[in-house]
């Protein structure tokens, strides 16, 4: 594995897990009023497209697929909490 692969892993970890502090904050405070529904839906759609792109591009693009799917899960969790805690 070369440096490009590790760069992809680092980018995936950093961008995906950047959702966790917000997710934790919403769960603890039981409030998601400051989150934009449009942002959550559009970023979710972007993650679906990135995952599809990675899957279709190459089997070696599994980090792109994996981290896009995980980011999608985090974004949709935030959206569900947004709808729950109106």
N, C-alpha and C. Protein backbone atom coordinates (compact mmCIF):
# COMPACT_ATOMS: atom_id res chain seq x y z
N UNK A 1 0.84 -1.19 0.00
CA UNK A 1 0.00 0.00 0.00
C UNK A 1 0.88 1.25 0.00
N UNK A 2 0.48 2.20 -0.74
CA UNK A 2 1.29 3.40 -0.88
C UNK A 2 0.70 4.57 -0.11
N UNK A 3 1.37 5.68 -0.19
CA UNK A 3 0.96 6.86 0.58
C UNK A 3 -0.42 7.38 0.16
N UNK A 4 -0.81 7.17 -1.08
CA UNK A 4 -2.12 7.64 -1.53
C UNK A 4 -3.23 6.88 -0.80
N UNK A 5 -3.04 5.58 -0.60
CA UNK A 5 -4.01 4.79 0.15
C UNK A 5 -4.14 5.32 1.57
N UNK A 6 -3.01 5.57 2.23
CA UNK A 6 -3.04 6.06 3.61
C UNK A 6 -3.61 7.48 3.70
N UNK A 7 -3.39 8.27 2.66
CA UNK A 7 -3.98 9.59 2.62
C UNK A 7 -5.50 9.46 2.55
N UNK A 8 -6.00 8.51 1.77
CA UNK A 8 -7.43 8.27 1.68
C UNK A 8 -8.02 7.81 3.00
N UNK A 9 -7.31 6.95 3.70
CA UNK A 9 -7.76 6.49 5.02
C UNK A 9 -7.82 7.67 5.99
N UNK A 10 -6.78 8.48 6.02
CA UNK A 10 -6.75 9.63 6.93
C UNK A 10 -7.88 10.61 6.59
N UNK A 11 -8.09 10.88 5.33
CA UNK A 11 -9.17 11.79 4.92
C UNK A 11 -10.52 11.23 5.33
N UNK A 12 -10.71 9.94 5.14
CA UNK A 12 -11.97 9.31 5.52
C UNK A 12 -12.22 9.36 7.01
N UNK A 13 -11.20 9.06 7.80
CA UNK A 13 -11.34 9.09 9.26
C UNK A 13 -11.66 10.50 9.73
N UNK A 14 -10.92 11.47 9.26
CA UNK A 14 -11.12 12.85 9.71
C UNK A 14 -12.48 13.41 9.30
N UNK A 15 -12.85 13.22 8.06
CA UNK A 15 -14.12 13.78 7.60
C UNK A 15 -15.32 13.03 8.16
N UNK A 16 -15.22 11.73 8.28
CA UNK A 16 -16.34 10.95 8.81
C UNK A 16 -16.56 11.20 10.28
N UNK A 17 -15.51 11.15 11.05
CA UNK A 17 -15.66 11.28 12.49
C UNK A 17 -15.83 12.74 12.94
N UNK A 18 -15.80 13.67 11.99
CA UNK A 18 -16.12 15.05 12.34
C UNK A 18 -17.60 15.20 12.66
N UNK A 19 -18.41 14.23 12.28
CA UNK A 19 -19.83 14.26 12.61
C UNK A 19 -20.10 13.85 14.06
N UNK A 20 -19.21 13.10 14.66
CA UNK A 20 -19.46 12.58 16.01
C UNK A 20 -19.69 13.64 17.07
N UNK A 21 -18.89 14.70 17.16
CA UNK A 21 -19.17 15.70 18.20
C UNK A 21 -20.57 16.30 18.09
N UNK A 22 -21.02 16.54 16.87
CA UNK A 22 -22.37 17.08 16.68
C UNK A 22 -23.43 16.06 17.07
N UNK A 23 -23.21 14.82 16.69
CA UNK A 23 -24.14 13.76 17.03
C UNK A 23 -24.26 13.59 18.54
N UNK A 24 -23.13 13.59 19.21
CA UNK A 24 -23.12 13.46 20.67
C UNK A 24 -23.83 14.66 21.32
N UNK A 25 -23.55 15.85 20.82
CA UNK A 25 -24.17 17.06 21.36
C UNK A 25 -25.69 17.01 21.23
N UNK A 26 -26.19 16.58 20.09
CA UNK A 26 -27.63 16.49 19.87
C UNK A 26 -28.25 15.45 20.81
N UNK A 27 -27.59 14.32 20.97
CA UNK A 27 -28.11 13.27 21.84
C UNK A 27 -28.15 13.74 23.29
N UNK A 28 -27.09 14.36 23.75
CA UNK A 28 -27.01 14.81 25.15
C UNK A 28 -28.02 15.92 25.42
N UNK A 29 -28.11 16.91 24.53
CA UNK A 29 -29.00 18.06 24.75
C UNK A 29 -30.45 17.80 24.33
N UNK A 30 -30.64 16.72 23.58
CA UNK A 30 -31.97 16.41 23.04
C UNK A 30 -32.56 17.60 22.27
N UNK A 31 -31.71 18.21 21.50
CA UNK A 31 -32.12 19.34 20.68
C UNK A 31 -31.28 19.37 19.40
N UNK A 32 -31.98 19.53 18.28
CA UNK A 32 -31.30 19.62 16.99
C UNK A 32 -31.81 20.83 16.21
N UNK A 33 -32.32 21.81 16.95
CA UNK A 33 -32.95 22.95 16.29
C UNK A 33 -31.98 23.76 15.43
N UNK A 34 -30.71 23.73 15.75
CA UNK A 34 -29.73 24.53 15.00
C UNK A 34 -29.22 23.83 13.74
N UNK A 35 -29.61 22.59 13.53
CA UNK A 35 -29.15 21.86 12.35
C UNK A 35 -30.07 22.13 11.17
N UNK A 36 -29.48 22.31 10.02
CA UNK A 36 -30.24 22.53 8.80
C UNK A 36 -30.64 21.20 8.18
N UNK A 37 -31.94 21.03 7.97
CA UNK A 37 -32.44 19.81 7.33
C UNK A 37 -31.90 19.72 5.90
N UNK A 38 -31.84 20.86 5.21
CA UNK A 38 -31.34 20.88 3.84
C UNK A 38 -29.88 20.42 3.78
N UNK A 39 -29.07 20.87 4.74
CA UNK A 39 -27.67 20.46 4.79
C UNK A 39 -27.56 18.96 5.00
N UNK A 40 -28.35 18.41 5.92
CA UNK A 40 -28.28 16.98 6.19
C UNK A 40 -28.71 16.14 4.99
N UNK A 41 -29.76 16.55 4.32
CA UNK A 41 -30.23 15.82 3.14
C UNK A 41 -29.23 15.92 1.99
N UNK A 42 -28.72 17.12 1.75
CA UNK A 42 -27.78 17.28 0.63
C UNK A 42 -26.45 16.58 0.90
N UNK A 43 -25.96 16.62 2.12
CA UNK A 43 -24.71 15.91 2.41
C UNK A 43 -24.95 14.40 2.35
N UNK A 44 -26.12 13.95 2.78
CA UNK A 44 -26.44 12.52 2.65
C UNK A 44 -26.45 12.07 1.21
N UNK A 45 -27.06 12.88 0.34
CA UNK A 45 -27.08 12.55 -1.09
C UNK A 45 -25.66 12.53 -1.66
N UNK A 46 -24.84 13.47 -1.21
CA UNK A 46 -23.44 13.48 -1.65
C UNK A 46 -22.70 12.23 -1.22
N UNK A 47 -22.95 11.76 0.00
CA UNK A 47 -22.29 10.54 0.48
C UNK A 47 -22.73 9.32 -0.32
N UNK A 48 -24.00 9.27 -0.69
CA UNK A 48 -24.48 8.16 -1.52
C UNK A 48 -23.75 8.18 -2.86
N UNK A 49 -23.63 9.36 -3.46
CA UNK A 49 -22.95 9.46 -4.75
C UNK A 49 -21.46 9.11 -4.64
N UNK A 50 -20.79 9.56 -3.56
CA UNK A 50 -19.38 9.22 -3.38
C UNK A 50 -19.21 7.71 -3.20
N UNK A 51 -20.10 7.08 -2.46
CA UNK A 51 -20.01 5.63 -2.26
C UNK A 51 -20.21 4.90 -3.59
N UNK A 52 -21.18 5.34 -4.37
CA UNK A 52 -21.41 4.72 -5.68
C UNK A 52 -20.22 4.92 -6.60
N UNK A 53 -19.68 6.12 -6.60
CA UNK A 53 -18.50 6.42 -7.41
C UNK A 53 -17.33 5.51 -7.03
N UNK A 54 -17.06 5.42 -5.73
CA UNK A 54 -15.96 4.58 -5.28
C UNK A 54 -16.15 3.12 -5.64
N UNK A 55 -17.38 2.64 -5.51
CA UNK A 55 -17.68 1.24 -5.84
C UNK A 55 -17.49 0.98 -7.33
N UNK A 56 -17.95 1.89 -8.15
CA UNK A 56 -17.86 1.71 -9.59
C UNK A 56 -16.46 1.98 -10.14
N UNK A 57 -15.71 2.84 -9.46
CA UNK A 57 -14.39 3.23 -9.96
C UNK A 57 -13.38 2.10 -9.87
N UNK A 58 -13.29 1.46 -8.72
CA UNK A 58 -12.23 0.46 -8.54
C UNK A 58 -12.42 -0.30 -7.23
N UNK A 59 -12.08 -1.58 -7.21
CA UNK A 59 -12.14 -2.33 -5.94
C UNK A 59 -11.20 -1.75 -4.88
N UNK A 60 -10.15 -1.07 -5.31
CA UNK A 60 -9.22 -0.47 -4.35
C UNK A 60 -9.76 0.81 -3.73
N UNK A 61 -10.95 1.22 -4.16
CA UNK A 61 -11.57 2.41 -3.60
C UNK A 61 -12.43 2.09 -2.39
N UNK A 62 -12.20 0.94 -1.76
CA UNK A 62 -13.04 0.56 -0.62
C UNK A 62 -13.02 1.58 0.50
N UNK A 63 -11.90 2.31 0.77
CA UNK A 63 -11.98 3.32 1.82
C UNK A 63 -13.01 4.41 1.50
N UNK A 64 -13.10 4.79 0.24
CA UNK A 64 -14.07 5.80 -0.17
C UNK A 64 -15.50 5.29 0.05
N UNK A 65 -15.74 4.05 -0.32
CA UNK A 65 -17.07 3.46 -0.14
C UNK A 65 -17.39 3.33 1.35
N UNK A 66 -16.46 2.79 2.12
CA UNK A 66 -16.68 2.55 3.55
C UNK A 66 -16.94 3.85 4.31
N UNK A 67 -16.07 4.84 4.12
CA UNK A 67 -16.22 6.09 4.87
C UNK A 67 -17.42 6.91 4.38
N UNK A 68 -17.75 6.80 3.11
CA UNK A 68 -18.96 7.47 2.62
C UNK A 68 -20.21 6.84 3.24
N UNK A 69 -20.22 5.52 3.33
CA UNK A 69 -21.37 4.84 3.95
C UNK A 69 -21.48 5.18 5.43
N UNK A 70 -20.35 5.24 6.11
CA UNK A 70 -20.36 5.58 7.53
C UNK A 70 -20.79 7.04 7.73
N UNK A 71 -20.30 7.93 6.89
CA UNK A 71 -20.73 9.34 6.95
C UNK A 71 -22.22 9.46 6.68
N UNK A 72 -22.72 8.68 5.74
CA UNK A 72 -24.15 8.68 5.45
C UNK A 72 -24.93 8.24 6.68
N UNK A 73 -24.46 7.23 7.37
CA UNK A 73 -25.13 6.76 8.59
C UNK A 73 -25.16 7.86 9.65
N UNK A 74 -24.06 8.57 9.82
CA UNK A 74 -24.01 9.66 10.80
C UNK A 74 -24.96 10.79 10.40
N UNK A 75 -24.92 11.18 9.12
CA UNK A 75 -25.78 12.27 8.64
C UNK A 75 -27.25 11.90 8.77
N UNK A 76 -27.61 10.67 8.45
CA UNK A 76 -29.01 10.25 8.55
C UNK A 76 -29.44 10.10 10.01
N UNK A 77 -28.51 9.76 10.88
CA UNK A 77 -28.80 9.72 12.32
C UNK A 77 -29.12 11.13 12.82
N UNK A 78 -28.33 12.09 12.38
CA UNK A 78 -28.60 13.48 12.75
C UNK A 78 -29.94 13.95 12.19
N UNK A 79 -30.26 13.54 10.97
CA UNK A 79 -31.54 13.91 10.37
C UNK A 79 -32.69 13.30 11.16
N UNK A 80 -32.56 12.04 11.55
CA UNK A 80 -33.60 11.40 12.36
C UNK A 80 -33.78 12.11 13.68
N UNK A 81 -32.68 12.50 14.31
CA UNK A 81 -32.76 13.23 15.57
C UNK A 81 -33.36 14.62 15.36
N UNK A 82 -33.05 15.23 14.24
CA UNK A 82 -33.63 16.54 13.90
C UNK A 82 -35.14 16.42 13.80
N UNK A 83 -35.61 15.39 13.16
CA UNK A 83 -37.06 15.18 13.00
C UNK A 83 -37.71 14.80 14.35
N UNK A 84 -36.99 14.09 15.18
CA UNK A 84 -37.52 13.66 16.47
C UNK A 84 -37.62 14.80 17.48
N UNK A 85 -36.58 15.63 17.53
CA UNK A 85 -36.50 16.67 18.56
C UNK A 85 -36.98 18.04 18.08
N UNK A 86 -37.72 18.10 17.01
CA UNK A 86 -38.20 19.37 16.45
C UNK A 86 -38.20 20.42 17.46
